[in-house]
Amino acid sequence: MGSLRDRLSAAGWTLPDYDGRGLANLPATVLATLGAREERDMLPLRDLDPSLADGVRSVVVILADGLGWDQLHRLCERRDTPFLASLLERARARDQAQLLEATSVFPSTTAAAVTTLNTARTPQEHGNLAYFCWLEEFGQVTQMLRWGPATQRRGSYFDDGTRDATAYRLVTSMHARLAERGARSYLIEPEIFRREAMTRMHAAEAGFVGYVLPSTLGVRLQQLLDRRPWGSALAYVYAYWAGVDTVAHLYGPRSPEHSLEAALLDRALEHALAGRPPGETLVLLTADHGHAEVDPAQLVDLEGDAELRSLLRNPIAGEPRLAFLHTDRPDAVRDRIQAHWPGVFTLFDRDEAIAEGLFGRGDASAARRRVGDLCAMLSGPRAATIVRVDGQAVLHRGAHGGMSSDEMRIPIIAWRA
């Protein structure tokens, strides 16, 4: 029968790489470049040209949420993103730039990936494993980006100030580790993120540089690089662009809306970075995941299946492409899913997935609590309703969280500025 990894690979899934060719190795690269990596940390990016990191005094990581490997190449081929296309041309010519193909973490989702970028720890270690997780601490399915009830669009458990968000984090941030070494770090993010639970839990030690309109990201990044408020210290700057992911969800990763949003990102980056001669700054542009095209007409309503819910210990959680099923009757759940949706789901056991390192490495106690006993993964143009938010099913045309190539393969573009 073979191992789970062998079975998934044989079925065409793209497995996460934590050994030097994955998103989890990018924060380790930042730490190594700035002299803060420790022996217990992940390996740095295995294939990064050493000359790009030689003599670096500051590192800029730009996260284009949802801009997968294939999406980037389509955009560049159509000249929707001329600045990014020029970087790919430089990489092909080996002109002080490099393009690396990497994988996302698993699940391939923002909650897991962004926490990895802020902590240099894998999802298994930091515990923010999916957009929706069952949290025993609160006795409900939680939306993990804002740490609030999943069935509501707004609100966090920490809004009233009676709970300390940092008491619930499982690992320290890489910003704190950099500060211990005398380095400075900064976040360039939407202003609404300033007091978000995720920021308070995993990035409180960084200077927050907010923006209201997405186009202002380029202005803020340019200003920060021009002013260099860190002086002679080493520095890390993390800049986040949300729009590509949003339009891919709403309209699809091949839509004209997606192309135009990516063009706006391209223009913002050109404003901040074009024309800067290679200097002491290493720039790493990447994505947290890509997008699979999905058809809302083929939505699988897991949450609406009363018989399935009766077999579960907790409500369904996870991702629209990867459902977490907490159950004491896994065989009955398998039988129900296979009978009701034959051939639609790839089912696998949580403990086997942990044993084979799909969620990363290290202490697995949080993963055992938060990942369902059984995982149900979707492929093709399908997603699932796992939680109804304000009573409504989510109808997206782009989705992620699973292991298809479109979801898992991400670019890393490296150059000096």
Protein backbone atom coordinates (compact mmCIF):
# COMPACT_ATOMS: atom_id res chain seq x y z
CA MET A 1 0.00 0.00 0.00
CA GLY A 2 2.96 2.32 0.62
CA SER A 3 3.36 5.34 2.86
CA LEU A 4 0.93 8.25 2.78
CA ARG A 5 3.54 10.39 1.07
CA ASP A 6 4.03 7.74 -1.60
CA ARG A 7 0.29 7.40 -2.13
CA LEU A 8 -0.25 11.13 -2.41
CA SER A 9 2.70 11.60 -4.72
CA ALA A 10 1.57 8.73 -6.96
CA ALA A 11 -1.86 10.36 -7.19
CA GLY A 12 -0.31 13.58 -8.49
CA TRP A 13 -0.46 15.74 -5.38
CA THR A 14 2.34 18.26 -4.68
CA LEU A 15 3.76 17.61 -1.23
CA PRO A 16 5.18 20.35 1.02
CA ASP A 17 8.96 20.69 1.18
CA TYR A 18 10.39 21.69 4.55
CA ASP A 19 13.96 20.67 3.74
CA GLY A 20 15.19 23.68 1.78
CA ARG A 21 12.77 24.24 -1.08
CA GLY A 22 9.70 25.52 0.71
CA LEU A 23 8.16 28.66 2.13
CA ALA A 24 9.14 27.51 5.64
CA ASN A 25 12.78 27.84 4.63
CA LEU A 26 12.39 31.51 3.72
CA PRO A 27 12.24 32.91 7.28
CA ALA A 28 15.20 30.69 8.13
CA THR A 29 17.02 32.42 5.26
CA VAL A 30 16.18 35.81 6.76
CA LEU A 31 17.49 34.71 10.15
CA ALA A 32 20.64 33.23 8.63
CA THR A 33 21.33 36.32 6.53
CA LEU A 34 20.95 38.59 9.55
CA GLY A 35 22.99 36.37 11.86
CA ALA A 36 20.13 35.12 14.03
CA ARG A 37 19.61 31.55 12.82
CA GLU A 38 20.12 28.80 15.40
CA GLU A 39 20.95 25.13 14.94
CA ARG A 40 17.38 24.05 15.74
CA ASP A 41 15.93 26.27 13.01
CA MET A 42 14.84 25.15 9.59
CA LEU A 43 17.41 25.04 6.81
CA PRO A 44 17.76 28.21 4.72
CA LEU A 45 16.66 28.05 1.10
CA ARG A 46 18.82 25.34 -0.38
CA ASP A 47 19.19 26.77 -3.89
CA LEU A 48 19.57 30.48 -3.17
CA ASP A 49 22.65 31.91 -4.88
CA PRO A 50 25.06 32.71 -2.00
CA SER A 51 26.22 35.87 -3.77
CA LEU A 52 22.75 37.37 -3.33
CA ALA A 53 23.06 37.14 0.46
CA ASP A 54 26.73 38.13 0.69
CA GLY A 55 27.24 41.39 2.55
CA VAL A 56 23.54 41.98 3.13
CA ARG A 57 22.56 44.44 5.89
CA SER A 58 18.80 44.37 5.39
CA VAL A 59 16.25 41.91 4.04
CA VAL A 60 12.88 42.80 2.51
CA VAL A 61 10.25 40.06 2.16
CA ILE A 62 7.24 40.93 0.01
CA LEU A 63 4.32 38.54 0.35
CA ALA A 64 1.87 38.69 -2.55
CA ASP A 65 -0.95 36.70 -0.99
CA GLY A 66 -2.27 34.06 -3.38
CA LEU A 67 0.17 34.67 -6.27
CA GLY A 68 1.06 31.08 -7.18
CA TRP A 69 3.78 29.90 -9.54
CA ASP A 70 1.56 29.37 -12.57
CA GLN A 71 -0.36 32.59 -11.94
CA LEU A 72 2.86 34.62 -11.91
CA HIS A 73 4.05 33.09 -15.17
CA ARG A 74 0.73 33.67 -16.92
CA LEU A 75 0.72 37.30 -15.81
CA CYS A 76 4.29 37.87 -17.00
CA GLU A 77 3.74 36.14 -20.33
CA ARG A 78 0.74 38.41 -21.00
CA ARG A 79 2.77 41.47 -19.90
CA ASP A 80 0.21 42.27 -17.22
CA THR A 81 3.09 42.67 -14.76
CA PRO A 82 6.05 44.22 -16.63
CA PHE A 83 8.17 44.91 -13.54
CA LEU A 84 7.86 41.31 -12.34
CA ALA A 85 8.50 40.13 -15.92
CA SER A 86 11.72 42.17 -15.95
CA LEU A 87 12.84 40.41 -12.76
CA LEU A 88 12.18 37.02 -14.35
CA GLU A 89 14.22 38.12 -17.38
CA ARG A 90 17.05 39.15 -15.09
CA ALA A 91 16.83 35.80 -13.32
CA ARG A 92 17.02 33.93 -16.64
CA ALA A 93 20.06 36.00 -17.59
CA ARG A 94 21.57 35.51 -14.11
CA ASP A 95 21.75 39.27 -13.83
CA GLN A 96 21.94 39.62 -10.04
CA ALA A 97 18.51 38.02 -9.67
CA GLN A 98 17.17 34.50 -9.19
CA LEU A 99 13.84 32.70 -9.49
CA LEU A 100 13.24 29.71 -7.24
CA GLU A 101 10.30 27.33 -7.39
CA ALA A 102 9.15 26.40 -3.91
CA THR A 103 6.18 24.85 -2.16
CA SER A 104 3.79 26.33 0.33
CA VAL A 105 3.36 24.85 3.77
CA PHE A 106 0.51 22.42 4.34
CA PRO A 107 -2.30 23.24 4.51
CA SER A 108 -1.65 25.74 1.71
CA THR A 109 -3.37 28.65 3.38
CA THR A 110 -2.65 32.14 4.67
CA ALA A 111 -3.26 31.43 8.36
CA ALA A 112 -0.60 28.71 8.36
CA ALA A 113 1.83 30.35 5.95
CA VAL A 114 1.86 33.87 7.40
CA THR A 115 2.35 32.51 10.90
CA THR A 116 5.29 30.48 9.60
CA LEU A 117 6.76 33.63 8.05
CA ASN A 118 6.41 35.50 11.35
CA THR A 119 7.76 32.73 13.57
CA ALA A 120 10.13 30.65 11.38
CA ARG A 121 8.22 27.60 12.63
CA THR A 122 6.13 25.06 10.74
CA PRO A 123 2.32 24.83 11.07
CA GLN A 124 2.69 21.79 13.30
CA GLU A 125 4.73 23.87 15.75
CA HIS A 126 2.85 27.16 15.73
CA GLY A 127 -0.65 25.61 15.62
CA ASN A 128 -2.36 28.07 13.20
CA LEU A 129 -3.08 25.17 10.92
CA ALA A 130 -6.01 26.36 8.82
CA TYR A 131 -8.44 29.20 8.23
CA PHE A 132 -10.95 27.39 10.48
CA CYS A 133 -9.76 25.31 13.44
CA TRP A 134 -11.59 23.69 16.32
CA LEU A 135 -10.08 25.23 19.46
CA GLU A 136 -10.68 23.40 22.71
CA GLU A 137 -9.69 26.59 24.53
CA PHE A 138 -12.86 28.29 23.29
CA GLY A 139 -15.05 25.26 22.59
CA GLN A 140 -15.83 26.26 19.01
CA VAL A 141 -14.54 26.46 15.47
CA THR A 142 -12.37 29.56 15.23
CA GLN A 143 -11.42 31.77 12.32
CA MET A 144 -7.69 31.76 12.90
CA LEU A 145 -6.70 35.03 11.21
CA ARG A 146 -8.76 37.10 13.65
CA TRP A 147 -9.15 34.50 16.42
CA GLY A 148 -12.92 34.84 16.60
CA PRO A 149 -16.03 32.67 16.11
CA ALA A 150 -15.99 31.09 12.66
CA THR A 151 -19.70 31.52 12.07
CA GLN A 152 -19.41 35.33 12.35
CA ARG A 153 -17.69 37.68 9.93
CA ARG A 154 -16.26 39.97 12.58
CA GLY A 155 -14.96 39.95 16.10
CA SER A 156 -12.13 38.42 18.10
CA TYR A 157 -12.00 36.73 21.48
CA PHE A 158 -9.56 39.46 22.49
CA ASP A 159 -11.61 42.53 21.57
CA ASP A 160 -12.83 43.24 25.09
CA GLY A 161 -9.34 43.22 26.59
CA THR A 162 -10.07 40.59 29.23
CA ARG A 163 -7.93 38.00 27.45
CA ASP A 164 -4.29 38.40 26.52
CA ALA A 165 -3.76 37.22 22.93
CA THR A 166 -0.12 36.39 23.59
CA ALA A 167 -1.14 33.81 26.19
CA TYR A 168 -2.43 31.64 23.35
CA ARG A 169 0.62 31.70 21.09
CA LEU A 170 2.66 28.51 21.03
CA VAL A 171 5.98 29.86 19.72
CA THR A 172 7.89 33.13 19.83
CA SER A 173 8.14 35.43 16.85
CA MET A 174 11.21 35.81 14.67
CA HIS A 175 10.90 39.57 15.25
CA ALA A 176 11.65 39.00 18.94
CA ARG A 177 14.63 36.85 18.05
CA LEU A 178 15.99 39.51 15.69
CA ALA A 179 15.54 42.16 18.36
CA GLU A 180 17.58 40.06 20.79
CA ARG A 181 20.46 40.24 18.29
CA GLY A 182 20.15 44.00 17.91
CA ALA A 183 18.36 43.92 14.56
CA ARG A 184 15.24 45.96 13.76
CA SER A 185 12.13 44.67 12.03
CA TYR A 186 9.13 46.34 10.41
CA LEU A 187 5.73 45.30 9.04
CA ILE A 188 4.13 47.12 6.12
CA GLU A 189 0.53 45.96 6.27
CA PRO A 190 -3.04 47.27 5.97
CA GLU A 191 -3.84 49.60 8.84
CA ILE A 192 -6.72 47.33 9.92
CA PHE A 193 -4.13 44.68 10.84
CA ARG A 194 -2.47 46.87 13.47
CA ARG A 195 -4.54 45.52 16.37
CA GLU A 196 -5.46 42.16 14.85
CA ALA A 197 -4.89 39.12 17.05
CA MET A 198 -2.34 37.69 14.60
CA THR A 199 -0.24 40.86 14.76
CA ARG A 200 -0.42 41.02 18.54
CA MET A 201 0.48 37.34 18.89
CA HIS A 202 3.25 36.94 16.34
CA ALA A 203 4.61 40.35 15.37
CA ALA A 204 4.27 42.70 18.33
CA GLU A 205 8.04 43.28 18.45
CA ALA A 206 8.12 44.75 14.92
CA GLY A 207 7.52 48.37 14.01
CA PHE A 208 4.13 48.64 12.31
CA VAL A 209 3.91 50.76 9.15
CA GLY A 210 0.27 50.88 8.12
CA TYR A 211 -1.42 51.78 4.85
CA VAL A 212 -5.08 52.27 3.97
CA LEU A 213 -5.10 51.98 0.18
CA PRO A 214 -3.17 49.05 -1.37
CA SER A 215 -1.26 51.32 -3.75
CA THR A 216 0.30 53.01 -0.73
CA LEU A 217 2.33 49.87 0.03
CA GLY A 218 4.82 50.93 -2.63
CA VAL A 219 5.09 54.42 -1.13
CA ARG A 220 5.63 53.08 2.38
CA LEU A 221 8.27 50.62 1.22
CA GLN A 222 10.10 53.28 -0.76
CA GLN A 223 10.01 55.68 2.21
CA LEU A 224 11.32 53.06 4.59
CA LEU A 225 14.19 52.09 2.30
CA ASP A 226 15.06 55.73 1.66
CA ARG A 227 14.97 56.77 5.33
CA ARG A 228 16.60 53.65 6.73
CA PRO A 229 15.38 54.37 10.28
CA TRP A 230 17.40 51.40 11.54
CA GLY A 231 20.63 53.33 10.98
CA SER A 232 23.66 51.07 11.18
CA ALA A 233 21.71 48.10 12.60
CA LEU A 234 20.66 45.07 10.62
CA ALA A 235 17.04 45.21 9.49
CA TYR A 236 14.14 43.08 8.29
CA VAL A 237 11.11 44.50 6.44
CA TYR A 238 8.00 42.44 5.71
CA ALA A 239 5.45 43.88 3.27
CA TYR A 240 2.05 42.30 2.62
CA TRP A 241 -0.33 42.69 -0.36
CA ALA A 242 -3.76 41.06 0.05
CA GLY A 243 -5.57 41.94 -3.17
CA VAL A 244 -4.41 39.17 -5.51
CA ASP A 245 -5.78 36.58 -3.12
CA THR A 246 -9.08 38.43 -2.69
CA VAL A 247 -9.81 38.76 -6.40
CA ALA A 248 -8.70 35.17 -7.07
CA HIS A 249 -11.25 34.00 -4.50
CA LEU A 250 -14.06 36.16 -5.84
CA TYR A 251 -13.46 36.01 -9.59
CA GLY A 252 -10.93 33.24 -10.20
CA PRO A 253 -7.16 33.15 -10.79
CA ARG A 254 -7.54 33.57 -14.58
CA SER A 255 -10.02 36.45 -14.44
CA PRO A 256 -9.45 39.99 -15.77
CA GLU A 257 -9.97 41.21 -12.20
CA HIS A 258 -7.03 39.05 -11.11
CA SER A 259 -4.85 40.45 -13.90
CA LEU A 260 -5.64 44.06 -13.04
CA GLU A 261 -5.04 43.58 -9.31
CA ALA A 262 -1.68 41.99 -10.09
CA ALA A 263 -0.89 44.95 -12.34
CA LEU A 264 -1.53 47.29 -9.41
CA LEU A 265 0.84 45.24 -7.26
CA ASP A 266 3.41 45.38 -10.06
CA ARG A 267 3.14 49.15 -10.29
CA ALA A 268 3.50 49.56 -6.52
CA LEU A 269 6.63 47.42 -6.49
CA GLU A 270 8.05 49.26 -9.47
CA HIS A 271 7.52 52.55 -7.63
CA ALA A 272 9.39 51.26 -4.58
CA LEU A 273 12.15 49.20 -6.13
CA ALA A 274 12.75 49.89 -9.83
CA GLY A 275 15.97 51.73 -10.51
CA ARG A 276 17.54 50.93 -7.17
CA PRO A 277 21.08 49.76 -7.91
CA PRO A 278 22.13 46.51 -6.24
CA GLY A 279 23.11 47.40 -2.70
CA GLU A 280 23.08 45.92 0.78
CA THR A 281 19.40 44.87 0.71
CA LEU A 282 18.23 41.40 -0.28
CA VAL A 283 14.66 41.43 -1.63
CA LEU A 284 12.62 38.22 -1.58
CA LEU A 285 9.21 38.30 -3.26
CA THR A 286 7.01 35.28 -2.69
CA ALA A 287 3.47 34.00 -2.13
CA ASP A 288 1.89 32.04 0.68
CA HIS A 289 0.02 29.74 -1.76
CA GLY A 290 -1.54 29.70 -5.19
CA HIS A 291 -5.14 29.21 -6.28
CA ALA A 292 -7.06 26.35 -7.80
CA GLU A 293 -9.96 27.33 -10.03
CA VAL A 294 -13.23 26.10 -8.58
CA ASP A 295 -16.80 26.06 -9.83
CA PRO A 296 -19.39 27.33 -7.32
CA ALA A 297 -21.97 25.13 -9.07
CA GLN A 298 -19.98 22.06 -7.98
CA LEU A 299 -19.74 23.07 -4.31
CA VAL A 300 -19.87 20.09 -1.95
CA ASP A 301 -22.06 20.88 1.05
CA LEU A 302 -20.36 18.93 3.82
CA GLU A 303 -21.74 21.15 6.55
CA GLY A 304 -25.28 20.61 5.29
CA ASP A 305 -25.07 16.80 5.53
CA ALA A 306 -26.90 15.99 8.77
CA GLU A 307 -25.89 12.32 8.67
CA LEU A 308 -22.21 13.22 8.38
CA ARG A 309 -22.48 15.76 11.19
CA SER A 310 -24.06 13.11 13.43
CA LEU A 311 -20.86 11.06 13.10
CA LEU A 312 -18.61 13.91 14.24
CA ARG A 313 -17.41 14.87 17.69
CA ASN A 314 -16.99 18.57 16.78
CA PRO A 315 -18.23 20.75 13.91
CA ILE A 316 -16.36 20.58 10.62
CA ALA A 317 -13.30 22.82 10.32
CA GLY A 318 -10.28 23.21 8.02
CA GLU A 319 -10.39 24.69 4.53
CA PRO A 320 -12.80 24.58 1.58
CA ARG A 321 -10.25 22.27 -0.10
CA LEU A 322 -9.26 20.34 3.05
CA ALA A 323 -11.90 19.48 5.63
CA PHE A 324 -10.92 18.52 9.18
CA LEU A 325 -13.31 15.88 10.52
CA HIS A 326 -13.16 15.27 14.28
CA THR A 327 -14.69 11.88 14.90
CA ASP A 328 -14.61 8.81 17.11
CA ARG A 329 -15.99 6.79 14.19
CA PRO A 330 -13.54 7.31 11.31
CA ASP A 331 -14.61 4.19 9.42
CA ALA A 332 -18.24 5.30 9.44
CA VAL A 333 -17.23 8.78 8.26
CA ARG A 334 -15.19 7.28 5.43
CA ASP A 335 -18.11 5.10 4.40
CA ARG A 336 -20.51 8.05 4.44
CA ILE A 337 -18.27 10.28 2.33
CA GLN A 338 -17.35 7.58 -0.17
CA ALA A 339 -20.97 6.53 -0.57
CA HIS A 340 -22.38 10.05 -0.87
CA TRP A 341 -19.54 11.64 -2.91
CA PRO A 342 -17.75 8.73 -4.61
CA GLY A 343 -14.30 9.58 -5.94
CA VAL A 344 -14.54 13.24 -4.93
CA PHE A 345 -12.38 13.25 -1.79
CA THR A 346 -8.92 11.97 -0.94
CA LEU A 347 -9.19 10.79 2.66
CA PHE A 348 -6.26 10.31 5.01
CA ASP A 349 -5.58 9.86 8.69
CA ARG A 350 -4.33 12.78 10.78
CA ASP A 351 -1.82 10.74 12.77
CA GLU A 352 -0.31 9.27 9.62
CA ALA A 353 -0.02 12.77 8.16
CA ILE A 354 1.74 13.98 11.31
CA ALA A 355 4.05 10.98 11.37
CA GLU A 356 5.12 11.68 7.79
CA GLY A 357 5.71 15.38 8.38
CA LEU A 358 3.00 16.88 6.17
CA PHE A 359 2.30 19.64 8.69
CA GLY A 360 5.96 20.18 9.46
CA ARG A 361 7.98 19.04 12.43
CA GLY A 362 8.31 19.41 16.19
CA ASP A 363 5.72 19.24 18.93
CA ALA A 364 2.52 17.82 17.41
CA SER A 365 0.24 18.27 20.40
CA ALA A 366 -1.61 21.28 18.93
CA ALA A 367 -1.96 19.55 15.57
CA ARG A 368 -3.49 16.50 17.23
CA ARG A 369 -6.11 18.72 18.86
CA ARG A 370 -6.82 21.03 15.95
CA VAL A 371 -6.62 18.77 12.89
CA GLY A 372 -9.50 16.37 12.57
CA ASP A 373 -8.94 12.64 13.06
CA LEU A 374 -9.71 12.35 9.36
CA CYS A 375 -8.77 14.79 6.59
CA ALA A 376 -10.86 15.07 3.42
CA MET A 377 -9.04 16.76 0.52
CA LEU A 378 -10.55 17.95 -2.75
CA SER A 379 -9.10 18.30 -6.23
CA GLY A 380 -10.32 19.52 -9.60
CA PRO A 381 -12.87 22.34 -9.74
CA ARG A 382 -14.43 21.52 -6.39
CA ALA A 383 -14.52 23.12 -2.95
CA ALA A 384 -16.63 22.31 0.09
CA THR A 385 -18.88 24.22 2.43
CA ILE A 386 -17.42 23.47 5.84
CA VAL A 387 -18.71 26.47 7.82
CA ARG A 388 -21.65 28.75 7.12
CA VAL A 389 -20.63 32.32 7.94
CA ASP A 390 -23.54 34.48 9.06
CA GLY A 391 -25.70 31.63 7.80
CA GLN A 392 -24.34 31.76 4.26
CA ALA A 393 -22.25 29.33 2.23
CA VAL A 394 -19.12 30.86 0.70
CA LEU A 395 -19.19 30.78 -3.12
CA HIS A 396 -15.67 31.26 -4.45
CA ARG A 397 -14.11 30.79 -7.89
CA GLY A 398 -10.61 30.34 -6.52
CA ALA A 399 -9.65 28.25 -3.49
CA HIS A 400 -6.65 26.78 -1.70
CA GLY A 401 -5.68 24.73 1.32
CA GLY A 402 -5.16 21.45 -0.49
CA MET A 403 -2.24 19.87 -2.32
CA SER A 404 -2.87 20.47 -6.01
CA SER A 405 0.02 21.93 -7.97
CA ASP A 406 -1.87 25.21 -8.43
CA GLU A 407 -2.26 25.58 -4.66
CA MET A 408 1.15 24.38 -3.53
CA ARG A 409 3.69 25.75 -6.03
CA ILE A 410 4.90 29.26 -5.28
CA PRO A 411 7.64 31.52 -6.64
CA ILE A 412 10.49 33.12 -4.77
CA ILE A 413 12.17 35.95 -6.68
CA ALA A 414 15.43 37.15 -5.13
CA TRP A 415 17.44 40.23 -6.07
CA ARG A 416 19.56 42.98 -4.50
CA ALA A 417 18.46 46.58 -4.04
